Amino acid sequence: MSGKLINATSVLCHLLEQPKPTINGTDLLGGAFGEGGHELVRERILTLGPTLSYVTCPDCGIELARVVRTVGVDRILLHCDECGEVEAGHTLLQTYAVSLTRLVDRLVSSLKLPPSNRKTVDYDISWRLGIEERKRGKAQTWYFARHLNDHNVARHLLDQIRLDNAAQSAKIITSTELPLPVSSPLAGYDVKNLTAIARMSQNVLLF
């Protein structure tokens, strides 16, 4: 597996586990996230979020700095009450957000599931991806969820699994780090972390 593609899937899971799956452009495209962040943008899993007017000062890392003006093609001038005038890259102002709709679409198509069985369980949190008929009379029901370490999220997903009569056939993919707590409603179910079983590859997730 390509290291940068594995890294991209790991960055994606990191973002999905945030309360809002958004990230600053400088953090996404540089540092530890650099290679993976560029892959996510290239794969169109991320969409552009709002441009910021105030950012954390890149010099002191504490105070909020106000955007004063652009001073070059990709440079901006900031004013920080602690540091005074500070120059930074323009990417500091840009935010990116995970397109959850595109991600779920890609999971469904990559698993070759019929889209008619897709259902939102918790808005922007968990989904039934679809039902895979493996053999006559034998099916697997696929789910995807963020924040599975939240008891309520896990409980709602379990309620849907039971409603689907899929307790014996449920396959759950998550961005949450595993293992789940032993007290989780989903303890004992077949739960896999996305990074462990898939990687990005040209408009598809390879499982």
Protein backbone atom coordinates (compact mmCIF):
# COMPACT_ATOMS: atom_id res chain seq x y z
CA MET A 1 0.00 0.00 0.00
CA SER A 2 1.17 3.52 -0.78
CA GLY A 3 2.21 5.27 2.42
CA LYS A 4 0.58 8.56 1.43
CA LEU A 5 -2.73 6.83 0.65
CA ILE A 6 -2.71 5.09 4.02
CA ASN A 7 -1.88 8.45 5.59
CA ALA A 8 -4.79 10.06 3.71
CA THR A 9 -7.24 7.52 5.16
CA SER A 10 -5.79 8.10 8.63
CA VAL A 11 -6.17 11.90 8.26
CA LEU A 12 -9.74 11.38 7.08
CA CYS A 13 -10.57 9.33 10.18
CA HIS A 14 -8.95 11.98 12.39
CA LEU A 15 -11.15 14.67 10.84
CA LEU A 16 -14.29 12.55 11.08
CA GLU A 17 -13.81 12.13 14.81
CA GLN A 18 -13.78 15.89 15.41
CA PRO A 19 -17.10 17.46 16.53
CA LYS A 20 -17.08 19.28 13.17
CA PRO A 21 -14.98 17.53 10.51
CA THR A 22 -13.14 20.72 9.46
CA ILE A 23 -9.49 21.73 9.40
CA ASN A 24 -7.36 24.76 8.68
CA GLY A 25 -5.54 24.74 5.32
CA THR A 26 -2.08 25.15 6.86
CA ASP A 27 -2.63 22.19 9.18
CA LEU A 28 -4.14 20.06 6.42
CA LEU A 29 -1.57 20.71 3.70
CA GLY A 30 1.58 20.89 5.80
CA GLY A 31 3.27 19.19 8.71
CA ALA A 32 2.25 15.68 9.71
CA PHE A 33 -0.93 15.82 7.63
CA GLY A 34 0.76 17.14 4.48
CA GLU A 35 0.83 14.17 2.10
CA GLY A 36 -2.46 12.75 3.30
CA GLY A 37 -4.13 16.15 3.22
CA HIS A 38 -3.15 16.76 -0.40
CA GLU A 39 -4.53 13.32 -1.34
CA LEU A 40 -7.87 14.07 0.32
CA VAL A 41 -8.17 17.34 -1.61
CA ARG A 42 -7.20 15.56 -4.83
CA GLU A 43 -9.77 12.84 -4.20
CA ARG A 44 -12.48 15.48 -3.63
CA ILE A 45 -13.45 14.04 -0.27
CA LEU A 46 -12.94 17.54 1.17
CA THR A 47 -14.79 20.70 0.22
CA LEU A 48 -13.76 24.30 0.80
CA GLY A 49 -15.12 25.77 4.02
CA PRO A 50 -15.40 29.42 5.02
CA THR A 51 -12.43 31.78 4.77
CA LEU A 52 -11.42 33.01 8.23
CA SER A 53 -11.03 36.64 9.34
CA TYR A 54 -9.35 35.72 12.63
CA VAL A 55 -6.82 32.93 13.14
CA THR A 56 -4.57 31.68 15.90
CA CYS A 57 -1.33 33.65 15.68
CA PRO A 58 1.33 31.45 14.00
CA ASP A 59 4.08 33.11 16.09
CA CYS A 60 2.78 32.81 19.65
CA GLY A 61 0.19 30.10 18.99
CA ILE A 62 -2.07 31.58 21.67
CA GLU A 63 -3.69 34.87 20.72
CA LEU A 64 -6.20 35.47 17.95
CA ALA A 65 -4.73 37.45 15.09
CA ARG A 66 -6.79 39.68 12.78
CA VAL A 67 -6.28 39.55 9.02
CA VAL A 68 -5.04 42.96 7.87
CA ARG A 69 -4.36 42.51 4.14
CA THR A 70 -2.79 40.37 1.45
CA VAL A 71 0.91 41.13 0.94
CA GLY A 72 1.76 38.68 -1.84
CA VAL A 73 0.40 35.95 -4.04
CA ASP A 74 0.14 33.55 -1.12
CA ARG A 75 1.06 35.70 1.90
CA ILE A 76 -1.07 37.67 4.32
CA LEU A 77 -0.38 40.26 7.03
CA LEU A 78 -1.92 39.61 10.44
CA HIS A 79 -2.14 41.74 13.56
CA CYS A 80 -1.71 39.99 16.92
CA ASP A 81 -2.10 41.94 20.18
CA GLU A 82 0.85 40.00 21.61
CA CYS A 83 3.22 39.84 18.60
CA GLY A 84 2.21 42.86 16.53
CA GLU A 85 2.35 42.46 12.75
CA VAL A 86 2.94 38.89 11.59
CA GLU A 87 3.21 37.46 8.07
CA ALA A 88 1.79 34.03 7.28
CA GLY A 89 0.78 31.82 4.39
CA HIS A 90 -2.64 32.44 2.84
CA THR A 91 -3.59 28.79 3.51
CA LEU A 92 -3.97 29.78 7.17
CA LEU A 93 -7.25 31.50 6.26
CA GLN A 94 -8.75 28.64 4.27
CA THR A 95 -10.72 25.85 5.89
CA TYR A 96 -11.64 22.45 4.51
CA ALA A 97 -14.48 20.18 5.55
CA VAL A 98 -15.15 16.50 4.93
CA SER A 99 -18.03 16.08 2.51
CA LEU A 100 -19.95 13.40 4.36
CA THR A 101 -22.32 12.91 1.43
CA ARG A 102 -19.42 12.20 -0.95
CA LEU A 103 -17.77 9.92 1.57
CA VAL A 104 -20.89 7.82 2.10
CA ASP A 105 -21.49 7.73 -1.67
CA ARG A 106 -17.95 6.46 -2.14
CA LEU A 107 -18.32 3.82 0.56
CA VAL A 108 -21.53 2.56 -1.03
CA SER A 109 -20.07 2.43 -4.55
CA SER A 110 -16.75 0.93 -3.41
CA LEU A 111 -18.55 -1.88 -1.61
CA LYS A 112 -20.79 -2.33 -4.69
CA LEU A 113 -23.94 -1.97 -2.63
CA PRO A 114 -27.33 -1.10 -4.13
CA PRO A 115 -28.03 2.54 -3.18
CA SER A 116 -31.72 1.80 -2.60
CA ASN A 117 -30.91 0.26 0.81
CA ARG A 118 -28.95 3.27 2.03
CA LYS A 119 -30.36 5.08 5.06
CA THR A 120 -29.25 7.82 7.46
CA VAL A 121 -29.42 6.57 11.05
CA ASP A 122 -28.13 9.67 12.89
CA TYR A 123 -27.78 12.83 10.79
CA ASP A 124 -24.11 13.35 9.79
CA ILE A 125 -23.08 10.62 12.26
CA SER A 126 -24.14 7.13 11.18
CA TRP A 127 -25.61 5.42 8.12
CA ARG A 128 -26.79 2.07 6.85
CA LEU A 129 -24.75 1.75 3.67
CA GLY A 130 -26.70 -1.11 2.17
CA ILE A 131 -27.32 -4.83 2.03
CA GLU A 132 -25.04 -7.23 0.17
CA GLU A 133 -26.60 -10.47 -1.02
CA ARG A 134 -23.68 -12.90 -0.86
CA LYS A 135 -25.58 -16.14 -1.38
CA ARG A 136 -29.24 -16.97 -1.69
CA GLY A 137 -30.74 -16.35 1.72
CA LYS A 138 -27.44 -15.01 3.13
CA ALA A 139 -26.91 -11.27 3.33
CA GLN A 140 -24.55 -8.83 4.99
CA THR A 141 -25.76 -5.41 6.10
CA TRP A 142 -23.11 -2.70 6.06
CA TYR A 143 -23.04 0.36 8.32
CA PHE A 144 -20.72 3.34 8.75
CA ALA A 145 -20.47 5.55 11.83
CA ARG A 146 -18.43 8.33 13.36
CA HIS A 147 -18.05 8.81 17.15
CA LEU A 148 -18.84 5.20 18.04
CA ASN A 149 -17.17 5.75 21.43
CA ASP A 150 -20.23 7.87 22.26
CA HIS A 151 -22.68 5.56 24.05
CA ASN A 152 -25.75 7.25 22.53
CA VAL A 153 -24.39 6.98 18.98
CA ALA A 154 -23.62 3.30 19.47
CA ARG A 155 -27.05 2.70 21.02
CA HIS A 156 -28.89 4.37 18.11
CA LEU A 157 -26.93 2.31 15.61
CA LEU A 158 -27.66 -0.87 17.54
CA ASP A 159 -31.37 0.00 17.53
CA GLN A 160 -31.23 0.30 13.72
CA ILE A 161 -29.34 -2.99 13.39
CA ARG A 162 -32.03 -4.74 15.42
CA LEU A 163 -34.75 -3.02 13.40
CA ASP A 164 -33.07 -4.34 10.26
CA ASN A 165 -32.93 -7.86 11.76
CA ALA A 166 -29.19 -7.70 11.04
CA ALA A 167 -27.73 -8.65 14.43
CA GLN A 168 -26.05 -11.71 12.89
CA SER A 169 -24.99 -10.10 9.62
CA ALA A 170 -24.02 -6.52 10.54
CA LYS A 171 -20.65 -5.25 9.28
CA ILE A 172 -19.77 -1.92 10.86
CA ILE A 173 -17.08 0.44 9.53
CA THR A 174 -16.02 3.34 11.72
CA SER A 175 -13.56 6.22 11.90
CA THR A 176 -13.36 5.70 15.68
CA GLU A 177 -10.23 4.14 17.15
CA LEU A 178 -10.76 0.59 18.29
CA PRO A 179 -11.36 -1.39 20.41
CA LEU A 180 -14.61 0.10 21.67
CA PRO A 181 -15.12 0.17 25.44
CA VAL A 182 -16.34 -3.14 26.87
CA SER A 183 -19.45 -1.24 28.04
CA SER A 184 -20.31 -0.18 24.47
CA PRO A 185 -23.74 -1.33 23.19
CA LEU A 186 -21.83 -2.62 20.14
CA ALA A 187 -19.34 -4.72 22.10
CA GLY A 188 -19.09 -8.11 20.41
CA TYR A 189 -20.23 -6.84 17.00
CA ASP A 190 -18.06 -6.94 13.87
CA VAL A 191 -16.60 -3.41 13.93
CA LYS A 192 -13.61 -2.38 11.79
CA ASN A 193 -11.69 0.89 11.64
CA LEU A 194 -11.66 2.36 8.13
CA THR A 195 -7.89 2.93 8.15
CA ALA A 196 -7.27 -0.74 8.96
CA ILE A 197 -9.30 -2.12 6.06
CA ALA A 198 -9.28 0.45 3.24
CA ARG A 199 -7.24 3.06 1.40
CA MET A 200 -7.90 5.83 -1.10
CA SER A 201 -7.32 5.11 -4.78
CA GLN A 202 -8.61 7.30 -7.63
CA ASN A 203 -12.25 7.90 -6.76
CA VAL A 204 -12.66 4.59 -4.95
CA LEU A 205 -11.86 3.05 -1.58
CA LEU A 206 -10.00 -0.22 -1.92
CA PHE A 207 -10.99 -2.69 0.81
